[in-house]
N, C-alpha and C. Protein backbone atom coordinates (compact mmCIF):
# COMPACT_ATOMS: atom_id res chain seq x y z
N MET A 1 14.51 197.42 -30.20
CA MET A 1 15.31 198.25 -31.07
C MET A 1 16.23 199.10 -30.19
N GLU A 2 17.48 199.17 -30.58
CA GLU A 2 18.45 199.98 -29.84
C GLU A 2 18.13 201.46 -30.00
N ILE A 3 18.54 202.23 -29.02
CA ILE A 3 18.22 203.66 -29.00
C ILE A 3 18.79 204.38 -30.23
N ASP A 4 20.00 204.04 -30.65
CA ASP A 4 20.59 204.69 -31.83
C ASP A 4 19.82 204.37 -33.10
N GLU A 5 19.40 203.12 -33.23
CA GLU A 5 18.60 202.73 -34.39
C GLU A 5 17.25 203.45 -34.38
N ALA A 6 16.66 203.55 -33.21
CA ALA A 6 15.37 204.23 -33.09
C ALA A 6 15.51 205.71 -33.44
N LYS A 7 16.58 206.34 -32.99
CA LYS A 7 16.79 207.75 -33.31
C LYS A 7 17.00 207.95 -34.81
N LYS A 8 17.70 207.03 -35.45
CA LYS A 8 17.90 207.12 -36.90
C LYS A 8 16.58 206.97 -37.64
N GLU A 9 15.77 206.03 -37.20
CA GLU A 9 14.46 205.83 -37.83
C GLU A 9 13.57 207.06 -37.62
N LEU A 10 13.61 207.63 -36.43
CA LEU A 10 12.84 208.83 -36.15
C LEU A 10 13.29 209.99 -37.04
N ALA A 11 14.60 210.13 -37.22
CA ALA A 11 15.14 211.18 -38.10
C ALA A 11 14.69 210.95 -39.54
N LYS A 12 14.63 209.69 -39.95
CA LYS A 12 14.18 209.36 -41.31
C LYS A 12 12.72 209.76 -41.50
N LEU A 13 11.88 209.44 -40.53
CA LEU A 13 10.47 209.80 -40.61
C LEU A 13 10.29 211.32 -40.64
N LYS A 14 11.08 212.01 -39.85
CA LYS A 14 11.02 213.47 -39.83
C LYS A 14 11.45 214.05 -41.17
N ARG A 15 12.51 213.50 -41.74
CA ARG A 15 12.99 213.97 -43.05
C ARG A 15 11.94 213.74 -44.13
N GLU A 16 11.29 212.59 -44.11
CA GLU A 16 10.26 212.29 -45.09
C GLU A 16 9.09 213.26 -44.98
N ALA A 17 8.69 213.59 -43.75
CA ALA A 17 7.61 214.55 -43.54
C ALA A 17 8.02 215.93 -44.04
N THR A 18 9.25 216.30 -43.76
CA THR A 18 9.76 217.60 -44.20
C THR A 18 9.82 217.71 -45.71
N GLU A 19 10.15 216.62 -46.38
CA GLU A 19 10.17 216.61 -47.85
C GLU A 19 8.77 216.83 -48.41
N ILE A 20 7.78 216.21 -47.82
CA ILE A 20 6.39 216.40 -48.27
C ILE A 20 5.97 217.84 -48.02
N ALA A 21 6.31 218.36 -46.85
CA ALA A 21 5.98 219.76 -46.54
C ALA A 21 6.64 220.70 -47.55
N GLY A 22 7.85 220.37 -47.96
CA GLY A 22 8.55 221.17 -48.97
C GLY A 22 7.82 221.17 -50.30
N LYS A 23 7.28 220.03 -50.68
CA LYS A 23 6.50 219.95 -51.92
C LYS A 23 5.26 220.84 -51.83
N ILE A 24 4.60 220.79 -50.68
CA ILE A 24 3.42 221.64 -50.49
C ILE A 24 3.82 223.11 -50.58
N HIS A 25 4.90 223.45 -49.93
CA HIS A 25 5.40 224.83 -49.96
C HIS A 25 5.68 225.29 -51.39
N ASP A 26 6.34 224.44 -52.16
CA ASP A 26 6.67 224.80 -53.55
C ASP A 26 5.41 225.04 -54.37
N ILE A 27 4.42 224.20 -54.19
CA ILE A 27 3.16 224.38 -54.93
C ILE A 27 2.52 225.71 -54.54
N VAL A 28 2.42 225.96 -53.25
CA VAL A 28 1.78 227.18 -52.78
C VAL A 28 2.52 228.41 -53.28
N GLU A 29 3.84 228.35 -53.28
CA GLU A 29 4.62 229.51 -53.66
C GLU A 29 4.75 229.70 -55.17
N ASP A 30 4.80 228.61 -55.92
CA ASP A 30 5.15 228.73 -57.33
C ASP A 30 4.04 228.37 -58.32
N THR A 31 3.24 227.37 -58.01
CA THR A 31 2.32 226.85 -59.01
C THR A 31 0.91 226.60 -58.47
N LEU A 32 0.51 227.41 -57.52
CA LEU A 32 -0.78 227.18 -56.85
C LEU A 32 -1.93 227.00 -57.82
N TRP A 33 -2.06 227.88 -58.77
CA TRP A 33 -3.23 227.88 -59.64
C TRP A 33 -3.21 226.76 -60.68
N SER A 34 -2.04 226.21 -60.95
CA SER A 34 -2.00 225.12 -61.92
C SER A 34 -1.87 223.74 -61.26
N GLU A 35 -1.47 223.69 -59.99
CA GLU A 35 -1.26 222.40 -59.33
C GLU A 35 -1.98 222.28 -57.99
N TYR A 36 -2.97 223.11 -57.76
CA TYR A 36 -3.67 223.11 -56.47
C TYR A 36 -4.27 221.75 -56.13
N GLU A 37 -4.62 220.95 -57.15
CA GLU A 37 -5.25 219.66 -56.89
C GLU A 37 -4.29 218.68 -56.22
N ARG A 38 -3.00 218.95 -56.25
CA ARG A 38 -2.02 218.09 -55.59
C ARG A 38 -1.96 218.35 -54.08
N LEU A 39 -2.54 219.46 -53.62
CA LEU A 39 -2.44 219.81 -52.21
C LEU A 39 -3.14 218.81 -51.28
N LYS A 40 -4.33 218.38 -51.66
CA LYS A 40 -5.07 217.46 -50.78
C LYS A 40 -4.34 216.13 -50.59
N PRO A 41 -3.92 215.45 -51.67
CA PRO A 41 -3.22 214.18 -51.45
C PRO A 41 -1.89 214.36 -50.70
N LEU A 42 -1.18 215.44 -51.00
CA LEU A 42 0.07 215.68 -50.29
C LEU A 42 -0.20 215.98 -48.81
N SER A 43 -1.26 216.72 -48.53
CA SER A 43 -1.61 217.02 -47.14
C SER A 43 -1.97 215.75 -46.38
N GLU A 44 -2.73 214.88 -47.01
CA GLU A 44 -3.09 213.61 -46.38
C GLU A 44 -1.86 212.75 -46.14
N GLU A 45 -0.94 212.75 -47.09
CA GLU A 45 0.31 212.01 -46.94
C GLU A 45 1.14 212.59 -45.79
N LEU A 46 1.18 213.90 -45.69
CA LEU A 46 1.93 214.57 -44.63
C LEU A 46 1.33 214.25 -43.26
N ILE A 47 0.03 214.29 -43.15
CA ILE A 47 -0.64 213.97 -41.88
C ILE A 47 -0.31 212.53 -41.47
N ALA A 48 -0.38 211.61 -42.40
CA ALA A 48 -0.07 210.21 -42.11
C ALA A 48 1.38 210.06 -41.67
N LYS A 49 2.28 210.77 -42.32
CA LYS A 49 3.69 210.68 -41.97
C LYS A 49 3.94 211.26 -40.58
N CYS A 50 3.29 212.36 -40.25
CA CYS A 50 3.43 212.95 -38.92
C CYS A 50 2.87 212.02 -37.85
N GLU A 51 1.76 211.39 -38.13
CA GLU A 51 1.18 210.44 -37.19
C GLU A 51 2.13 209.25 -36.98
N SER A 52 2.76 208.79 -38.05
CA SER A 52 3.74 207.71 -37.93
C SER A 52 4.93 208.15 -37.08
N PHE A 53 5.38 209.37 -37.29
CA PHE A 53 6.50 209.92 -36.53
C PHE A 53 6.18 209.90 -35.04
N TYR A 54 5.02 210.45 -34.66
CA TYR A 54 4.67 210.53 -33.24
C TYR A 54 4.37 209.15 -32.64
N ALA A 55 3.79 208.26 -33.40
CA ALA A 55 3.53 206.91 -32.90
C ALA A 55 4.84 206.18 -32.65
N PHE A 56 5.78 206.32 -33.58
CA PHE A 56 7.09 205.69 -33.42
C PHE A 56 7.82 206.29 -32.22
N LYS A 57 7.75 207.59 -32.11
CA LYS A 57 8.41 208.28 -31.00
C LYS A 57 7.86 207.79 -29.65
N ARG A 58 6.53 207.70 -29.54
CA ARG A 58 5.92 207.22 -28.29
C ARG A 58 6.28 205.77 -28.00
N SER A 59 6.19 204.94 -29.02
CA SER A 59 6.42 203.50 -28.81
C SER A 59 7.87 203.17 -28.48
N ASN A 60 8.77 204.08 -28.79
CA ASN A 60 10.19 203.84 -28.51
C ASN A 60 10.71 204.71 -27.38
N GLY A 61 9.83 205.42 -26.70
CA GLY A 61 10.22 206.22 -25.55
C GLY A 61 11.18 207.34 -25.89
N LEU A 62 11.00 207.93 -27.05
CA LEU A 62 11.89 209.02 -27.45
C LEU A 62 11.25 210.38 -27.24
């Protein structure tokens, strides 16, 4: 994979993780008591996305 393509993919993974973190933030700030059950699945999704980000970064020497 070319370096520019790899950087774009890394940016995509980072954006996806940030979007999930934003959802968690919104729940905590606005609807914690009515939507708290969404925190665990979103947290697990965020952890998986961060792990993908770092694995991709390592495997592509970024």
